[in-house]
Every structure is written in structure tokens, then in C-alpha cells.
Amino acid sequence: MWSRRISLPPCFPAKGGLVSYASHAPRLRVGARWVGTLAVLFVITVLSPGRHVSAQSENSEHNSEPPVRVPSNVAWTEETLTIVSGGDAFRGLLLARRCNHCHGEEGFSSVPDFPNLAGQDRLSFWKQMQDFRSGKRASPVMQAIAEGFSARASADLAAYYAMLPTASDPQDTRTFPQAMPDPSRATIAIRLIVFGDGQRGIPPCQSCHGPVSYVKGAPPLATQNGDYLRRQLEDFSSGRRANDINVRMRSIARQLTAEEKTAVSEYYGAGLGPGVNSR
């Protein structure tokens, strides 16, 4: 065994006096560096997940797609068509007493803002009743009424209104047809109803609403009130009404000018639309 004497600076006695920190300075510096490193790691560990979650949230907000809105719960299946075609007009006559106040005893309303139901297509009428029941077509009044009719009862009503004649009856209180305030708009209406507008991708009205063709669920317009039609075009254009399958009517209405909407509505409301005597 051997030993080596360690000499201390004279100003720092080995015993009973002050202890020198000079010899511990390197270790203190190393320790300080470790403490600093640990502090940095702690900050990164704690704060990074927050930044990551925030970034994920921000990315999800930018990349998320709006929820898909189903315009209608109605699907034209064999079962659906069987229900609609099996409606009983006599039962519909009895049920229609709840509808006469607004839509008239003969199916023609005395208020031009309400729709006429006489001669309406069965599928169209039934679909609207189901859309009112499910809330796909918004109307506080009609939703409350439609909820009281089952799918079978709606088919009975559809059968009844489909068989009602559209010819004028001296005893009814219909407001149809209404006078066309500005006959000069007839040219605009005829162009859209008969020819459409190919440049804007707008089909002729008569290709879906008759008499050229009737698309399933599309109502005939030949004997419909003008004020009602104008309001529906406005609602489709703004999105307040959105129960059109394949967004057909919304895409068309949004391209029509205010004058075109007025012209088409007034033309039909005046009883000038094609097919007015065909049903």
C-alpha cells in the first residue's frame, strides 16, 4: 500500500476551517448541464403531445367533410310502389276531410299560397307526405298533420286526390287560374318550360313535370297555384327546402334569375302551362 499526500491551497485548511468549492466546480458545471437537459426533455415531453393534438384538431377541421344529408327516406322500391298503388280512394275521401280547410273540398285551394292537390300524381303526393312525416321537408303545420297518417293512409289520400278532376267546378272556391300580372314574361316562361336552357344545364320543365314526361315523385304543374310555385322555387334556391332526390330542383332553382322564377310560376299559375287539360 502506498499513499499520496494531497496538498491543499493554504487558504483552505483541511480541518476545522472553510471548505474549498474550487475542487467541486467541474462537477457542479456538469450537474447543471444535466439539470438543464432534463428540464428541456420535460418541457418537450409535456408540451409536444398538446401541440400534436392541436395540430391534429386543426387538420381535422380543415380536412373534415360536411355530414352527408339524406334528402328523403323514400326509395322507389317494389315494396314502396306496391304500397302507393294499393291506396283506396274511398278511404282517402273520408281522410281528406282533414285537408279540405286548406286545400279545398274539390282539391283546389282558395288561397294561392297553398298547393292544389286535385289531379296530383300518386307517387308525388305520397312522397311529400312521407317527407313531412320524417321532417325531410320542413313545415311545422304539415309535419304535425302528416304524423297522423300512416304510410297506408297516405296512399289512400294519394289515390283520392289523383282521381279528382281538374276541370273548373262552379261550386268550388278555387283561385286557380290567377291572372298573369306581366304578360311579357310569357316568352321567358315558354322558353324554360318547353326548351330549358342547355348552356346552363337546365332541362325543360315539361320533361319532368309533364306532359312530355313525368319523373317518379315529380308533381304535375299544369294546374298549380303560381304563388305556391314561386315560394317553392325560392326555398329550393336557398336550401330551405332540400327533399329533392339527386339535388335536381336545388341545382336548377339556384341558376334561375328572380325574373325567371317569377315568369315560370306566373305562367303555370295562369293556367297556361302545357298539359293543363291533359289530366
Protein backbone atom coordinates (compact mmCIF):
# COMPACT_ATOMS: atom_id res chain seq x y z
CA MET A 1 0.00 0.00 0.00
CA TRP A 2 1.10 3.43 -0.75
CA SER A 3 -0.41 6.81 -0.22
CA ARG A 4 -0.07 10.17 -1.78
CA ARG A 5 -0.37 13.40 0.09
CA ILE A 6 -2.74 15.83 -1.49
CA SER A 7 -1.72 19.39 -0.95
CA LEU A 8 -4.48 21.90 -0.38
CA PRO A 9 -4.27 25.59 -1.01
CA PRO A 10 -3.02 27.30 2.12
CA CYS A 11 -6.05 29.49 2.40
CA PHE A 12 -8.38 26.50 2.78
CA PRO A 13 -7.36 24.38 5.76
CA ALA A 14 -8.18 20.71 5.63
CA LYS A 15 -9.81 20.60 9.05
CA GLY A 16 -11.78 22.97 11.19
CA GLY A 17 -11.81 25.74 8.63
CA LEU A 18 -13.61 26.69 5.42
CA VAL A 19 -14.14 24.04 2.74
CA SER A 20 -13.00 24.93 -0.73
CA TYR A 21 -15.60 24.72 -3.56
CA ALA A 22 -13.00 25.17 -6.21
CA SER A 23 -12.39 21.45 -6.44
CA HIS A 24 -16.17 20.85 -6.92
CA ALA A 25 -16.68 23.41 -9.69
CA PRO A 26 -16.31 20.94 -12.61
CA ARG A 27 -18.83 18.59 -11.03
CA LEU A 28 -21.24 21.47 -10.44
CA ARG A 29 -20.96 22.55 -14.04
CA VAL A 30 -21.65 19.00 -15.25
CA GLY A 31 -24.58 18.71 -12.88
CA ALA A 32 -26.03 21.99 -14.09
CA ARG A 33 -25.83 20.77 -17.67
CA TRP A 34 -27.72 17.58 -16.76
CA VAL A 35 -30.39 19.53 -14.94
CA GLY A 36 -30.81 21.79 -17.95
CA THR A 37 -31.03 18.80 -20.26
CA LEU A 38 -33.65 17.13 -18.07
CA ALA A 39 -35.67 20.35 -17.96
CA VAL A 40 -35.67 20.60 -21.75
CA LEU A 41 -36.74 16.95 -22.09
CA PHE A 42 -39.52 17.52 -19.57
CA VAL A 43 -40.85 20.50 -21.50
CA ILE A 44 -40.75 18.60 -24.78
CA THR A 45 -42.46 15.57 -23.24
CA VAL A 46 -45.23 17.60 -21.65
CA LEU A 47 -45.91 20.16 -24.34
CA SER A 48 -45.37 18.16 -27.53
CA PRO A 49 -48.50 15.98 -27.16
CA GLY A 50 -50.55 19.11 -26.73
CA ARG A 51 -49.12 20.60 -29.89
CA HIS A 52 -49.66 17.30 -31.68
CA VAL A 53 -53.29 17.08 -30.57
CA SER A 54 -53.82 20.72 -31.50
CA ALA A 55 -52.31 20.11 -34.93
CA GLN A 56 -54.49 17.03 -35.40
CA SER A 57 -57.56 19.01 -34.39
CA GLU A 58 -56.67 21.82 -36.76
CA ASN A 59 -56.03 19.41 -39.61
CA SER A 60 -59.29 17.58 -38.95
CA GLU A 61 -61.15 20.89 -39.08
CA HIS A 62 -59.63 21.72 -42.44
CA ASN A 63 -59.92 18.24 -43.91
CA SER A 64 -63.28 17.20 -42.47
CA GLU A 65 -66.17 16.98 -44.91
CA PRO A 66 -69.66 18.19 -44.06
CA PRO A 67 -72.01 15.44 -42.93
CA VAL A 68 -73.97 13.81 -45.71
CA ARG A 69 -77.57 14.96 -45.67
CA VAL A 70 -80.08 12.42 -46.92
CA PRO A 71 -82.77 14.45 -48.74
CA SER A 72 -85.52 11.85 -48.37
CA ASN A 73 -86.09 8.50 -46.73
CA VAL A 74 -88.29 7.44 -49.66
CA ALA A 75 -86.84 4.91 -52.09
CA TRP A 76 -88.77 3.72 -55.11
CA THR A 77 -88.57 0.02 -54.34
CA GLU A 78 -91.05 -2.67 -55.33
CA GLU A 79 -92.44 -2.61 -51.80
CA THR A 80 -92.92 1.16 -51.87
CA LEU A 81 -94.63 1.11 -55.25
CA THR A 82 -96.95 -1.67 -54.04
CA ILE A 83 -97.99 0.41 -51.02
CA VAL A 84 -98.71 3.51 -53.11
CA SER A 85 -100.56 1.68 -55.87
CA GLY A 86 -102.71 -0.13 -53.30
CA GLY A 87 -104.31 3.06 -51.97
CA ASP A 88 -108.10 3.12 -51.66
CA ALA A 89 -109.73 6.29 -53.00
CA PHE A 90 -112.90 5.89 -50.91
CA ARG A 91 -110.94 5.71 -47.68
CA GLY A 92 -108.98 8.68 -48.97
CA LEU A 93 -112.23 10.62 -49.42
CA LEU A 94 -113.01 10.19 -45.74
CA LEU A 95 -109.49 11.09 -44.64
CA ALA A 96 -109.42 14.17 -46.89
CA ARG A 97 -111.87 15.95 -44.61
CA ARG A 98 -108.86 16.91 -42.54
CA CYS A 99 -107.30 18.55 -45.61
CA ASN A 100 -110.28 20.41 -47.06
CA HIS A 101 -109.84 23.53 -44.95
CA CYS A 102 -106.58 24.48 -46.67
CA HIS A 103 -106.72 22.55 -49.95
CA GLY A 104 -110.39 22.83 -50.78
CA GLU A 105 -113.18 20.25 -50.95
CA GLU A 106 -112.53 19.81 -54.67
CA GLY A 107 -108.75 19.73 -54.25
CA PHE A 108 -108.31 23.37 -55.28
CA SER A 109 -107.26 25.85 -52.61
CA SER A 110 -108.91 29.22 -52.08
CA VAL A 111 -105.50 30.60 -51.02
CA PRO A 112 -102.98 30.91 -53.88
CA ASP A 113 -100.10 30.32 -51.49
CA PHE A 114 -101.39 26.80 -50.74
CA PRO A 115 -100.97 23.98 -53.28
CA ASN A 116 -103.79 22.48 -55.30
CA LEU A 117 -103.99 18.71 -54.83
CA ALA A 118 -106.56 17.68 -57.42
CA GLY A 119 -105.07 15.53 -60.17
CA GLN A 120 -101.76 15.14 -58.35
CA ASP A 121 -99.60 12.14 -59.14
CA ARG A 122 -99.89 9.35 -56.55
CA LEU A 123 -96.14 8.88 -56.13
CA SER A 124 -95.52 12.60 -55.78
CA PHE A 125 -98.26 13.09 -53.18
CA TRP A 126 -97.19 10.04 -51.16
CA LYS A 127 -93.52 11.05 -51.17
CA GLN A 128 -94.29 14.54 -49.86
CA MET A 129 -96.39 13.10 -47.05
CA GLN A 130 -93.53 10.80 -46.01
CA ASP A 131 -91.05 13.66 -46.20
CA PHE A 132 -93.28 15.80 -43.99
CA ARG A 133 -93.59 12.92 -41.50
CA SER A 134 -89.82 12.42 -41.30
CA GLY A 135 -89.01 16.13 -41.26
CA LYS A 136 -87.10 15.93 -44.54
CA ARG A 137 -89.43 18.61 -45.82
CA ALA A 138 -89.78 21.30 -43.20
CA SER A 139 -93.24 22.58 -42.31
CA PRO A 140 -94.48 22.84 -38.71
CA VAL A 141 -98.10 22.67 -39.90
CA MET A 142 -97.80 19.82 -42.38
CA GLN A 143 -95.42 17.77 -40.26
CA ALA A 144 -97.93 17.71 -37.41
CA ILE A 145 -100.70 16.68 -39.82
CA ALA A 146 -98.66 14.08 -41.71
CA GLU A 147 -97.60 12.39 -38.49
CA GLY A 148 -101.24 11.38 -38.03
CA PHE A 149 -101.28 9.44 -41.32
CA SER A 150 -99.64 6.07 -41.73
CA ALA A 151 -97.96 5.08 -44.98
CA ARG A 152 -101.14 3.19 -45.92
CA ALA A 153 -103.39 6.17 -45.07
CA SER A 154 -101.16 8.45 -47.15
CA ALA A 155 -101.58 6.03 -50.06
CA ASP A 156 -105.37 6.27 -49.64
CA LEU A 157 -105.20 10.06 -49.77
CA ALA A 158 -102.94 9.89 -52.81
CA ALA A 159 -105.45 7.66 -54.61
CA TYR A 160 -108.29 10.05 -53.81
CA TYR A 161 -106.60 13.24 -54.94
CA ALA A 162 -105.21 11.60 -58.07
CA MET A 163 -108.74 10.78 -59.27
CA LEU A 164 -110.18 14.27 -58.66
CA PRO A 165 -110.94 16.13 -61.91
CA THR A 166 -109.11 19.37 -62.58
CA ALA A 167 -111.92 20.95 -64.62
CA SER A 168 -113.48 24.03 -63.10
CA ASP A 169 -116.44 23.49 -60.80
CA PRO A 170 -118.82 26.42 -60.22
CA GLN A 171 -119.30 25.33 -56.61
CA ASP A 172 -115.66 25.29 -55.55
CA THR A 173 -113.74 28.28 -54.22
CA ARG A 174 -110.53 27.88 -56.19
CA THR A 175 -108.31 30.83 -57.00
CA PHE A 176 -106.78 28.98 -59.95
CA PRO A 177 -106.08 30.26 -62.51
CA GLN A 178 -104.62 33.58 -61.41
CA ALA A 179 -104.07 36.48 -63.75
CA MET A 180 -100.54 36.91 -65.07
CA PRO A 181 -99.52 40.43 -63.92
CA ASP A 182 -96.94 40.91 -66.65
CA PRO A 183 -97.82 39.01 -69.87
CA SER A 184 -94.44 39.99 -71.33
CA ARG A 185 -92.84 37.36 -69.10
CA ALA A 186 -94.66 34.63 -71.01
CA THR A 187 -91.80 34.40 -73.52
CA ILE A 188 -89.32 33.70 -70.72
CA ALA A 189 -91.59 31.07 -69.21
CA ILE A 190 -92.26 29.28 -72.51
CA ARG A 191 -88.56 29.05 -73.27
CA LEU A 192 -87.77 27.39 -69.94
CA ILE A 193 -90.86 25.17 -69.79
CA VAL A 194 -90.62 23.88 -73.36
CA PHE A 195 -86.90 24.09 -74.17
CA GLY A 196 -84.99 24.66 -70.93
CA ASP A 197 -81.51 26.15 -71.17
CA GLY A 198 -78.83 23.82 -72.46
CA GLN A 199 -75.98 26.24 -71.76
CA ARG A 200 -76.78 26.17 -68.05
CA GLY A 201 -77.75 22.51 -68.00
CA ILE A 202 -81.39 23.29 -67.21
CA PRO A 203 -83.82 20.72 -68.65
CA PRO A 204 -87.30 21.72 -69.86
CA CYS A 205 -89.83 21.80 -67.03
CA GLN A 206 -92.20 19.64 -69.06
CA SER A 207 -89.63 16.83 -69.30
CA CYS A 208 -90.14 16.05 -65.58
CA HIS A 209 -93.46 17.67 -64.66
CA GLY A 210 -95.40 16.75 -67.81
CA PRO A 211 -96.85 16.42 -70.28
CA VAL A 212 -93.76 15.21 -72.14
CA SER A 213 -92.65 13.02 -69.24
CA TYR A 214 -93.27 12.50 -65.55
CA VAL A 215 -90.34 11.63 -63.32
CA LYS A 216 -91.17 9.46 -60.30
CA GLY A 217 -92.05 11.74 -57.44
CA ALA A 218 -92.22 14.89 -59.57
CA PRO A 219 -95.63 16.59 -59.37
CA PRO A 220 -97.57 17.80 -62.42
CA LEU A 221 -97.59 21.60 -62.53
CA ALA A 222 -100.28 22.34 -65.12
CA THR A 223 -102.89 23.29 -62.52
CA GLN A 224 -100.74 24.52 -59.66
CA ASN A 225 -101.03 27.93 -57.98
CA GLY A 226 -98.42 30.47 -59.02
CA ASP A 227 -97.69 31.88 -55.56
CA TYR A 228 -97.07 28.41 -54.22
CA LEU A 229 -94.72 27.56 -57.10
CA ARG A 230 -92.75 30.76 -56.64
CA ARG A 231 -92.24 30.06 -52.94
CA GLN A 232 -91.04 26.52 -53.66
CA LEU A 233 -88.51 27.77 -56.21
CA GLU A 234 -87.22 30.29 -53.68
CA ASP A 235 -86.98 27.61 -51.00
CA PHE A 236 -85.13 25.22 -53.30
CA SER A 237 -82.78 28.02 -54.34
CA SER A 238 -81.95 28.99 -50.75
CA GLY A 239 -81.81 25.42 -49.45
CA ARG A 240 -84.73 25.84 -47.08
CA ARG A 241 -86.35 23.02 -49.00
CA ALA A 242 -83.96 20.16 -49.66
CA ASN A 243 -86.00 16.98 -50.08
CA ASP A 244 -85.30 16.65 -53.80
CA ILE A 245 -83.55 13.38 -54.57
CA ASN A 246 -80.29 13.86 -56.53
CA VAL A 247 -80.43 17.62 -55.78
CA ARG A 248 -82.24 18.12 -59.08
CA MET A 249 -84.50 21.03 -58.15
CA ARG A 250 -81.95 22.81 -55.97
CA SER A 251 -79.38 22.87 -58.76
CA ILE A 252 -81.95 24.17 -61.24
CA ALA A 253 -83.53 26.79 -58.98
CA ARG A 254 -80.16 28.24 -57.99
CA GLN A 255 -79.40 29.01 -61.62
CA LEU A 256 -82.70 30.75 -62.33
CA THR A 257 -82.85 34.51 -62.06
CA ALA A 258 -85.54 36.17 -59.97
CA GLU A 259 -87.39 37.15 -63.14
CA GLU A 260 -87.27 33.60 -64.49
CA LYS A 261 -88.67 32.17 -61.26
CA THR A 262 -91.50 34.68 -61.36
CA ALA A 263 -92.20 34.08 -65.05
CA VAL A 264 -92.44 30.29 -64.77
CA SER A 265 -94.55 30.45 -61.61
CA GLU A 266 -96.99 33.01 -63.02
CA TYR A 267 -97.28 31.16 -66.32
CA TYR A 268 -98.28 27.91 -64.65
CA GLY A 269 -100.46 29.76 -62.16
CA ALA A 270 -102.35 31.42 -65.00
CA GLY A 271 -103.31 28.00 -66.40
CA LEU A 272 -101.13 28.45 -69.49
CA GLY A 273 -98.75 25.57 -68.89
CA PRO A 274 -98.67 22.67 -71.35
CA GLY A 275 -100.88 19.74 -70.42
CA VAL A 276 -103.39 21.83 -68.49
CA ASN A 277 -106.24 19.84 -69.99
CA SER A 278 -104.45 16.51 -70.24
CA ARG A 279 -105.22 15.18 -66.76
